[in-house]
C-alpha atoms as a PDB file:
ATOM      1  CA  MET A   1     -60.704   6.508 110.388  1.00  0.00           C
ATOM      2  CA  VAL A   2     -60.529   4.147 107.433  1.00  0.00           C
ATOM      3  CA  HIS A   3     -61.505   4.793 103.835  1.00  0.00           C
ATOM      4  CA  PRO A   4     -65.052   3.496 103.037  1.00  0.00           C
ATOM      5  CA  ASP A   5     -64.184   1.766  99.657  1.00  0.00           C
ATOM      6  CA  THR A   6     -60.604   0.660 100.371  1.00  0.00           C
ATOM      7  CA  GLY A   7     -60.709  -0.226 104.278  1.00  0.00           C
ATOM      8  CA  GLU A   8     -57.250   1.081 104.649  1.00  0.00           C
ATOM      9  CA  THR A   9     -56.508   3.765 107.458  1.00  0.00           C
ATOM     10  CA  ILE A  10     -56.342   7.356 106.269  1.00  0.00           C
ATOM     11  CA  TRP A  11     -53.407   9.290 107.072  1.00  0.00           C
ATOM     12  CA  LEU A  12     -53.965  11.688 110.011  1.00  0.00           C
ATOM     13  CA  PRO A  13     -53.156  14.771 108.431  1.00  0.00           C
ATOM     14  CA  MET A  14     -55.415  13.869 105.475  1.00  0.00           C
ATOM     15  CA  ARG A  15     -58.559  13.368 107.477  1.00  0.00           C
ATOM     16  CA  ARG A  16     -61.514  16.012 107.133  1.00  0.00           C
ATOM     17  CA  ALA A  17     -61.312  15.479 111.219  1.00  0.00           C
ATOM     18  CA  PHE A  18     -57.555  17.106 111.078  1.00  0.00           C
ATOM     19  CA  PHE A  19     -58.512  19.810 108.759  1.00  0.00           C
ATOM     20  CA  LEU A  20     -57.829  22.523 111.424  1.00  0.00           C
ATOM     21  CA  PRO A  21     -54.154  22.028 112.091  1.00  0.00           C
ATOM     22  CA  SER A  22     -53.508  21.045 108.664  1.00  0.00           C
ATOM     23  CA  ASN A  23     -54.724  24.409 107.172  1.00  0.00           C
ATOM     24  CA  MET A  24     -53.912  26.681 109.891  1.00  0.00           C
ATOM     25  CA  PRO A  25     -50.399  27.337 108.742  1.00  0.00           C
ATOM     26  CA  ILE A  26     -51.379  27.673 104.579  1.00  0.00           C
ATOM     27  CA  PHE A  27     -54.424  30.170 105.650  1.00  0.00           C
ATOM     28  CA  LEU A  28     -52.095  32.079 107.879  1.00  0.00           C
ATOM     29  CA  GLY A  29     -49.135  31.977 105.574  1.00  0.00           C
ATOM     30  CA  MET A  30     -51.333  33.291 102.722  1.00  0.00           C
ATOM     31  CA  LEU A  31     -52.944  36.121 104.873  1.00  0.00           C
ATOM     32  CA  LEU A  32     -49.853  37.440 106.462  1.00  0.00           C
ATOM     33  CA  SER A  33     -47.162  37.210 103.565  1.00  0.00           C
ATOM     34  CA  PRO A  34     -46.680  39.813 101.283  1.00  0.00           C
ATOM     35  CA  GLN A  35     -48.737  39.433  97.925  1.00  0.00           C
ATOM     36  CA  THR A  36     -45.848  39.234  95.719  1.00  0.00           C
ATOM     37  CA  VAL A  37     -45.338  36.780  92.857  1.00  0.00           C
ATOM     38  CA  GLY A  38     -42.728  34.722  95.007  1.00  0.00           C
ATOM     39  CA  TRP A  39     -44.723  34.349  98.048  1.00  0.00           C
ATOM     40  CA  ILE A  40     -48.019  33.664  95.664  1.00  0.00           C
ATOM     41  CA  THR A  41     -46.240  30.826  93.957  1.00  0.00           C
ATOM     42  CA  THR A  42     -44.724  29.470  97.343  1.00  0.00           C
ATOM     43  CA  TRP A  43     -48.154  29.268  99.056  1.00  0.00           C
ATOM     44  CA  GLN A  44     -49.914  27.679  95.955  1.00  0.00           C
ATOM     45  CA  VAL A  45     -47.260  25.067  95.808  1.00  0.00           C
ATOM     46  CA  VAL A  46     -47.729  24.193  99.339  1.00  0.00           C
ATOM     47  CA  ASN A  47     -51.595  24.584  99.199  1.00  0.00           C
ATOM     48  CA  ASN A  48     -51.779  22.336  96.125  1.00  0.00           C
ATOM     49  CA  SER A  49     -49.414  19.762  97.462  1.00  0.00           C
ATOM     50  CA  TYR A  50     -51.607  19.350 100.370  1.00  0.00           C
ATOM     51  CA  SER A  51     -54.708  19.153  98.465  1.00  0.00           C
ATOM     52  CA  CYS A  52     -53.038  16.547  96.076  1.00  0.00           C
ATOM     53  CA  PHE A  53     -52.840  14.128  98.847  1.00  0.00           C
ATOM     54  CA  MET A  54     -55.997  15.053 100.345  1.00  0.00           C
ATOM     55  CA  ASN A  55     -58.038  14.331  97.263  1.00  0.00           C
ATOM     56  CA  TYR A  56     -56.273  11.286  96.724  1.00  0.00           C
ATOM     57  CA  SER A  57     -56.733   9.789 100.336  1.00  0.00           C
ATOM     58  CA  ASN A  58     -60.450  10.831 100.172  1.00  0.00           C
ATOM     59  CA  ARG A  59     -61.238   9.831  96.626  1.00  0.00           C
ATOM     60  CA  ASN A  60     -63.793   7.326  95.451  1.00  0.00           C
ATOM     61  CA  ALA A  61     -61.615   4.191  95.344  1.00  0.00           C
ATOM     62  CA  SER A  62     -63.679   2.536  92.350  1.00  0.00           C
ATOM     63  CA  SER A  63     -61.775   4.946  90.362  1.00  0.00           C
ATOM     64  CA  SER A  64     -57.777   4.461  90.080  1.00  0.00           C
ATOM     65  CA  LEU A  65     -55.305   7.443  89.964  1.00  0.00           C
ATOM     66  CA  THR A  66     -51.974   6.991  89.497  1.00  0.00           C
ATOM     67  CA  GLY A  67     -48.687   8.907  90.682  1.00  0.00           C
ATOM     68  CA  ALA A  68     -48.297  10.384  87.316  1.00  0.00           C
ATOM     69  CA  GLN A  69     -51.694  11.754  87.465  1.00  0.00           C
ATOM     70  CA  MET A  70     -51.197  13.261  90.990  1.00  0.00           C
ATOM     71  CA  VAL A  71     -48.210  14.967  89.896  1.00  0.00           C
ATOM     72  CA  ALA A  72     -49.865  16.664  86.793  1.00  0.00           C
ATOM     73  CA  SER A  73     -52.782  17.700  88.701  1.00  0.00           C
ATOM     74  CA  MET A  74     -50.811  19.500  91.404  1.00  0.00           C
ATOM     75  CA  ALA A  75     -48.819  21.283  88.379  1.00  0.00           C
ATOM     76  CA  ALA A  76     -51.930  22.365  86.492  1.00  0.00           C
ATOM     77  CA  ALA A  77     -53.512  23.596  89.804  1.00  0.00           C
ATOM     78  CA  VAL A  78     -50.395  25.539  90.612  1.00  0.00           C
ATOM     79  CA  GLY A  79     -49.950  26.945  87.241  1.00  0.00           C
ATOM     80  CA  ILE A  80     -53.633  28.198  87.014  1.00  0.00           C
ATOM     81  CA  SER A  81     -54.057  29.359  90.231  1.00  0.00           C
ATOM     82  CA  THR A  82     -50.869  31.244  90.629  1.00  0.00           C
ATOM     83  CA  THR A  83     -51.435  33.049  87.535  1.00  0.00           C
ATOM     84  CA  LEU A  84     -55.178  33.923  88.506  1.00  0.00           C
ATOM     85  CA  ALA A  85     -54.062  35.144  91.879  1.00  0.00           C
ATOM     86  CA  VAL A  86     -51.042  37.323  90.371  1.00  0.00           C
ATOM     87  CA  ARG A  87     -53.321  38.851  87.962  1.00  0.00           C
ATOM     88  CA  VAL A  88     -55.966  39.690  90.359  1.00  0.00           C
ATOM     89  CA  ARG A  89     -53.304  41.439  92.569  1.00  0.00           C
ATOM     90  CA  VAL A  90     -52.190  43.539  89.643  1.00  0.00           C
ATOM     91  CA  LEU A  91     -56.018  44.681  89.465  1.00  0.00           C
ATOM     92  CA  MET A  92     -56.176  45.116  93.109  1.00  0.00           C
ATOM     93  CA  ASP A  93     -53.352  47.273  92.818  1.00  0.00           C
ATOM     94  CA  LYS A  94     -54.804  49.296  90.065  1.00  0.00           C
ATOM     95  CA  VAL A  95     -58.022  50.028  92.042  1.00  0.00           C
ATOM     96  CA  ALA A  96     -56.011  50.907  95.461  1.00  0.00           C
ATOM     97  CA  HIS A  97     -55.952  54.445  94.790  1.00  0.00           C
ATOM     98  CA  ARG A  98     -60.134  54.539  94.401  1.00  0.00           C
ATOM     99  CA  PRO A  99     -61.666  56.224  97.494  1.00  0.00           C
ATOM    100  CA  TRP A 100     -63.727  52.978  98.475  1.00  0.00           C
ATOM    101  CA  ALA A 101     -60.293  50.969  98.944  1.00  0.00           C
ATOM    102  CA  ALA A 102     -59.550  52.952 101.725  1.00  0.00           C
ATOM    103  CA  THR A 103     -62.538  51.888 103.753  1.00  0.00           C
ATOM    104  CA  VAL A 104     -62.542  49.070 106.240  1.00  0.00           C
ATOM    105  CA  TRP A 105     -64.516  47.109 103.674  1.00  0.00           C
ATOM    106  CA  GLY A 106     -62.507  47.841 100.591  1.00  0.00           C
ATOM    107  CA  ARG A 107     -59.217  46.968 102.444  1.00  0.00           C
ATOM    108  CA  ALA A 108     -60.579  43.707 103.468  1.00  0.00           C
ATOM    109  CA  LEU A 109     -61.763  42.957  99.912  1.00  0.00           C
ATOM    110  CA  THR A 110     -58.621  43.737  98.401  1.00  0.00           C
ATOM    111  CA  GLN A 111     -56.584  41.506 100.896  1.00  0.00           C
ATOM    112  CA  ALA A 112     -59.128  38.910 100.674  1.00  0.00           C
ATOM    113  CA  VAL A 113     -59.791  38.243  97.099  1.00  0.00           C
ATOM    114  CA  VAL A 114     -56.354  37.187  96.165  1.00  0.00           C
ATOM    115  CA  PRO A 115     -56.321  34.137  98.460  1.00  0.00           C
ATOM    116  CA  PHE A 116     -59.838  33.433  97.850  1.00  0.00           C
ATOM    117  CA  ILE A 117     -59.479  33.074  94.031  1.00  0.00           C
ATOM    118  CA  ALA A 118     -56.189  31.315  94.390  1.00  0.00           C
ATOM    119  CA  MET A 119     -57.532  28.640  96.638  1.00  0.00           C
ATOM    120  CA  ALA A 120     -61.082  28.349  95.186  1.00  0.00           C
ATOM    121  CA  THR A 121     -59.415  27.849  91.905  1.00  0.00           C
ATOM    122  CA  SER A 122     -56.486  25.755  92.747  1.00  0.00           C
ATOM    123  CA  GLY A 123     -58.781  23.321  94.801  1.00  0.00           C
ATOM    124  CA  THR A 124     -61.101  23.141  92.034  1.00  0.00           C
ATOM    125  CA  VAL A 125     -58.235  22.555  89.319  1.00  0.00           C
ATOM    126  CA  ASN A 126     -56.676  19.968  91.656  1.00  0.00           C
ATOM    127  CA  LEU A 127     -59.905  17.966  92.186  1.00  0.00           C
ATOM    128  CA  ILE A 128     -61.041  17.732  88.633  1.00  0.00           C
ATOM    129  CA  SER A 129     -57.436  16.764  87.339  1.00  0.00           C
ATOM    130  CA  ALA A 130     -57.108  14.211  90.213  1.00  0.00           C
ATOM    131  CA  ARG A 131     -60.683  12.910  89.641  1.00  0.00           C
ATOM    132  CA  TYR A 132     -61.337  13.247  85.911  1.00  0.00           C
ATOM    133  CA  ALA A 133     -61.653   9.668  85.548  1.00  0.00           C
ATOM    134  CA  GLU A 134     -64.711   9.151  87.598  1.00  0.00           C
ATOM    135  CA  ALA A 135     -66.540  11.590  85.411  1.00  0.00           C
ATOM    136  CA  LEU A 136     -65.210   9.511  82.290  1.00  0.00           C
ATOM    137  CA  GLU A 137     -65.405   5.997  83.483  1.00  0.00           C
ATOM    138  CA  GLY A 138     -68.111   6.262  86.103  1.00  0.00           C
ATOM    139  CA  ILE A 139     -67.929   5.051  90.059  1.00  0.00           C
ATOM    140  CA  VAL A 140     -69.475   1.893  91.370  1.00  0.00           C
ATOM    141  CA  VAL A 141     -73.109   2.336  93.103  1.00  0.00           C
ATOM    142  CA  ARG A 142     -74.646   0.087  95.406  1.00  0.00           C
ATOM    143  CA  ASP A 143     -78.075  -0.609  96.902  1.00  0.00           C
ATOM    144  CA  ALA A 144     -78.980  -0.300 100.719  1.00  0.00           C
ATOM    145  CA  SER A 145     -77.485  -3.658 101.477  1.00  0.00           C
ATOM    146  CA  GLY A 146     -74.227  -2.567  99.928  1.00  0.00           C
ATOM    147  CA  THR A 147     -74.469  -4.833  96.858  1.00  0.00           C
ATOM    148  CA  GLU A 148     -72.329  -3.570  93.891  1.00  0.00           C
ATOM    149  CA  LEU A 149     -74.721  -2.795  91.009  1.00  0.00           C
ATOM    150  CA  GLY A 150     -72.412  -1.466  88.249  1.00  0.00           C
ATOM    151  CA  ARG A 151     -70.959   1.655  87.394  1.00  0.00           C
ATOM    152  CA  SER A 152     -72.433   5.078  86.618  1.00  0.00           C
ATOM    153  CA  VAL A 153     -71.207   7.968  84.740  1.00  0.00           C
ATOM    154  CA  ILE A 154     -73.824  10.115  85.714  1.00  0.00           C
ATOM    155  CA  ALA A 155     -72.958   9.521  89.503  1.00  0.00           C
ATOM    156  CA  GLY A 156     -69.318   9.961  88.837  1.00  0.00           C
ATOM    157  CA  ARG A 157     -69.773  13.491  87.531  1.00  0.00           C
ATOM    158  CA  ASP A 158     -72.531  14.245  89.893  1.00  0.00           C
ATOM    159  CA  ALA A 159     -69.396  13.219  92.611  1.00  0.00           C
ATOM    160  CA  VAL A 160     -67.182  15.489  91.148  1.00  0.00           C
ATOM    161  CA  ALA A 161     -69.367  18.324  90.531  1.00  0.00           C
ATOM    162  CA  GLN A 162     -70.651  18.481  94.291  1.00  0.00           C
ATOM    163  CA  THR A 163     -66.951  17.993  95.484  1.00  0.00           C
ATOM    164  CA  ALA A 164     -65.798  20.795  93.284  1.00  0.00           C
ATOM    165  CA  MET A 165     -68.544  23.316  94.399  1.00  0.00           C
ATOM    166  CA  SER A 166     -67.783  22.417  98.084  1.00  0.00           C
ATOM    167  CA  ARG A 167     -63.978  23.445  97.134  1.00  0.00           C
ATOM    168  CA  VAL A 168     -65.244  26.749  96.161  1.00  0.00           C
ATOM    169  CA  LEU A 169     -67.090  27.443  99.375  1.00  0.00           C
ATOM    170  CA  MET A 170     -64.188  26.106 101.578  1.00  0.00           C
ATOM    171  CA  PRO A 171     -62.135  29.121 101.305  1.00  0.00           C
ATOM    172  CA  LEU A 172     -64.805  31.797 101.215  1.00  0.00           C
ATOM    173  CA  LEU A 173     -65.267  32.510 105.102  1.00  0.00           C
ATOM    174  CA  PRO A 174     -61.498  32.151 105.854  1.00  0.00           C
ATOM    175  CA  ALA A 175     -60.376  34.226 103.252  1.00  0.00           C
ATOM    176  CA  SER A 176     -62.926  36.899 103.899  1.00  0.00           C
ATOM    177  CA  ILE A 177     -63.758  37.384 107.220  1.00  0.00           C
ATOM    178  CA  PRO A 178     -60.374  37.589 109.053  1.00  0.00           C
ATOM    179  CA  PRO A 179     -59.129  40.454 106.777  1.00  0.00           C
ATOM    180  CA  LEU A 180     -62.919  42.229 107.637  1.00  0.00           C
ATOM    181  CA  ILE A 181     -62.025  41.777 111.296  1.00  0.00           C
ATOM    182  CA  MET A 182     -58.394  42.627 111.141  1.00  0.00           C
ATOM    183  CA  HIS A 183     -58.858  46.032 109.232  1.00  0.00           C
ATOM    184  CA  GLY A 184     -61.824  46.792 111.514  1.00  0.00           C
ATOM    185  CA  LEU A 185     -59.655  46.416 114.626  1.00  0.00           C
ATOM    186  CA  GLN A 186     -56.659  48.348 112.958  1.00  0.00           C
ATOM    187  CA  LYS A 187     -58.957  51.274 112.279  1.00  0.00           C
ATOM    188  CA  TYR A 188     -61.338  51.576 115.386  1.00  0.00           C
ATOM    189  CA  LYS A 189     -58.820  49.674 118.043  1.00  0.00           C
ATOM    190  CA  PRO A 190     -55.341  50.267 116.793  1.00  0.00           C
ATOM    191  CA  ASP A 191     -54.009  50.070 120.278  1.00  0.00           C
ATOM    192  CA  VAL A 192     -55.201  46.197 120.386  1.00  0.00           C
ATOM    193  CA  VAL A 193     -53.254  45.006 117.310  1.00  0.00           C
ATOM    194  CA  ALA A 194     -50.363  47.669 117.253  1.00  0.00           C
ATOM    195  CA  PRO A 195     -47.363  45.435 118.480  1.00  0.00           C
ATOM    196  CA  PHE A 196     -46.905  42.858 115.634  1.00  0.00           C
ATOM    197  CA  GLY A 197     -46.737  39.950 117.706  1.00  0.00           C
ATOM    198  CA  ARG A 198     -50.242  40.523 119.245  1.00  0.00           C
ATOM    199  CA  MET A 199     -51.804  41.374 115.743  1.00  0.00           C
ATOM    200  CA  VAL A 200     -50.417  37.797 114.608  1.00  0.00           C
ATOM    201  CA  ALA A 201     -52.059  36.171 117.629  1.00  0.00           C
ATOM    202  CA  ILE A 202     -55.268  37.656 117.158  1.00  0.00           C
ATOM    203  CA  LYS A 203     -55.146  36.732 113.652  1.00  0.00           C
ATOM    204  CA  THR A 204     -54.483  33.082 114.540  1.00  0.00           C
ATOM    205  CA  VAL A 205     -57.605  32.920 117.016  1.00  0.00           C
ATOM    206  CA  VAL A 206     -59.637  34.414 114.484  1.00  0.00           C
ATOM    207  CA  VAL A 207     -58.427  32.124 111.653  1.00  0.00           C
ATOM    208  CA  ALA A 208     -58.771  29.015 113.594  1.00  0.00           C
ATOM    209  CA  SER A 209     -62.370  30.346 114.746  1.00  0.00           C
ATOM    210  CA  VAL A 210     -63.672  31.128 111.036  1.00  0.00           C
ATOM    211  CA  LEU A 211     -62.043  27.499 110.073  1.00  0.00           C
ATOM    212  CA  CYS A 212     -64.167  25.794 112.618  1.00  0.00           C
ATOM    213  CA  ILE A 213     -67.065  27.326 111.058  1.00  0.00           C
ATOM    214  CA  GLY A 214     -65.862  27.371 107.307  1.00  0.00           C
ATOM    215  CA  LEU A 215     -65.528  23.420 107.044  1.00  0.00           C
ATOM    216  CA  PRO A 216     -69.108  22.564 108.230  1.00  0.00           C
ATOM    217  CA  PHE A 217     -70.359  25.676 105.959  1.00  0.00           C
ATOM    218  CA  SER A 218     -68.749  24.104 102.990  1.00  0.00           C
ATOM    219  CA  LEU A 219     -69.096  20.203 103.258  1.00  0.00           C
ATOM    220  CA  ALA A 220     -72.844  20.095 105.263  1.00  0.00           C
ATOM    221  CA  PRO A 221     -74.752  20.819 101.831  1.00  0.00           C
ATOM    222  CA  PHE A 222     -72.903  17.858  99.971  1.00  0.00           C
ATOM    223  CA  PRO A 223     -73.455  14.429 101.894  1.00  0.00           C
ATOM    224  CA  TYR A 224     -70.290  12.005 101.758  1.00  0.00           C
ATOM    225  CA  CYS A 225     -72.705   9.121 100.948  1.00  0.00           C
ATOM    226  CA  VAL A 226     -74.905  10.264  98.376  1.00  0.00           C
ATOM    227  CA  ALA A 227     -78.365   8.507  97.565  1.00  0.00           C
ATOM    228  CA  LYS A 228     -79.624   8.619  94.131  1.00  0.00           C
ATOM    229  CA  PRO A 229     -83.112   7.638  92.642  1.00  0.00           C
ATOM    230  CA  THR A 230     -82.478   5.218  89.882  1.00  0.00           C
ATOM    231  CA  SER A 231     -84.559   7.268  87.436  1.00  0.00           C
ATOM    232  CA  GLU A 232     -81.715   9.877  87.565  1.00  0.00           C
ATOM    233  CA  LEU A 233     -79.359   7.585  86.167  1.00  0.00           C
ATOM    234  CA  GLU A 234     -78.515   5.913  83.188  1.00  0.00           C
ATOM    235  CA  PRO A 235     -81.372   3.505  81.665  1.00  0.00           C
ATOM    236  CA  GLU A 236     -79.626   0.191  82.744  1.00  0.00           C
ATOM    237  CA  PHE A 237     -80.729   1.294  86.068  1.00  0.00           C
ATOM    238  CA  HIS A 238     -84.186   2.129  85.966  1.00  0.00           C
ATOM    239  CA  ASN A 239     -85.554  -1.462  86.435  1.00  0.00           C
ATOM    240  CA  MET A 240     -82.702  -2.660  88.362  1.00  0.00           C
ATOM    241  CA  ARG A 241     -83.036  -5.510  90.816  1.00  0.00           C
ATOM    242  CA  ASN A 242     -80.590  -6.990  93.527  1.00  0.00           C
ATOM    243  CA  PRO A 243     -79.003  -9.925  91.544  1.00  0.00           C
ATOM    244  CA  ARG A 244     -78.660 -12.104  95.051  1.00  0.00           C
ATOM    245  CA  THR A 245     -82.444 -11.166  96.131  1.00  0.00           C
ATOM    246  CA  GLY A 246     -84.062 -10.118  93.090  1.00  0.00           C
ATOM    247  CA  GLN A 247     -85.631  -7.324  94.829  1.00  0.00           C
ATOM    248  CA  ARG A 248     -86.275  -4.109  93.275  1.00  0.00           C
ATOM    249  CA  VAL A 249     -83.795  -1.128  93.752  1.00  0.00           C
ATOM    250  CA  ASP A 250     -85.081   2.314  93.429  1.00  0.00           C
ATOM    251  CA  VAL A 251     -82.510   4.097  95.186  1.00  0.00           C
ATOM    252  CA  VAL A 252     -78.638   3.636  94.891  1.00  0.00           C
ATOM    253  CA  TYR A 253     -75.577   4.859  96.945  1.00  0.00           C
ATOM    254  CA  TYR A 254     -72.104   6.236  96.198  1.00  0.00           C
ATOM    255  CA  ASN A 255     -69.418   7.415  98.045  1.00  0.00           C
ATOM    256  CA  ARG A 256     -68.986  11.200  96.758  1.00  0.00           C
ATOM    257  CA  GLY A 257     -65.292  11.607  97.965  1.00  0.00           C
ATOM    258  CA  LEU A 258     -64.040  14.624  99.918  1.00  0.00           C
END
């Protein structure tokens, strides 16, 4: 698979087609590890390191991203997501004695909310930190023939906003469904998940299955190649014509990035 802007081959682990094997260890680590500050921080470093390179590999390449910006985005994402996750963990501990927290739904919620908030926050912060230049400087837009028409700040902001929303949706199913299924089995079929090894195997299958659904669930609403009417862009694009053919351009296209 090659990048649509640069023509360079995208490293296999950074491709969306490799999402399942790349994210399985991260999701399992977050769900199986104790919700302590040390483990939360460890998995956030791992998750954000992966997200940082993923954002770079699938960026809109018309906007540059330096190594220093990559490091800064990862540091910001780790700091903010870890702080939020720890604070939410403390909040969950405070409500653990409530009657509803002992139910299957309650136990699943208290286990799912920390990984979800941590991953949604880190993914969004990492993305914005890495791609903020697209929202400030704009990205290249083209007509249907691929002719470059200029840079649009509105298109850049739209690309970053849509990708940020997909980052929030991405961990929703993987963080919420596996705890619900596992706590349901522990309550109603405890003999099935009693051995630790069997429990890990079942959770692995559940997480893998949910990830297969979660990726299209988060990406499908936001097409990779965005078509946008010129009337929704800056005034200089409203009466745009192809510089080579002179044909009027009513719709432009741009790479949203992943």
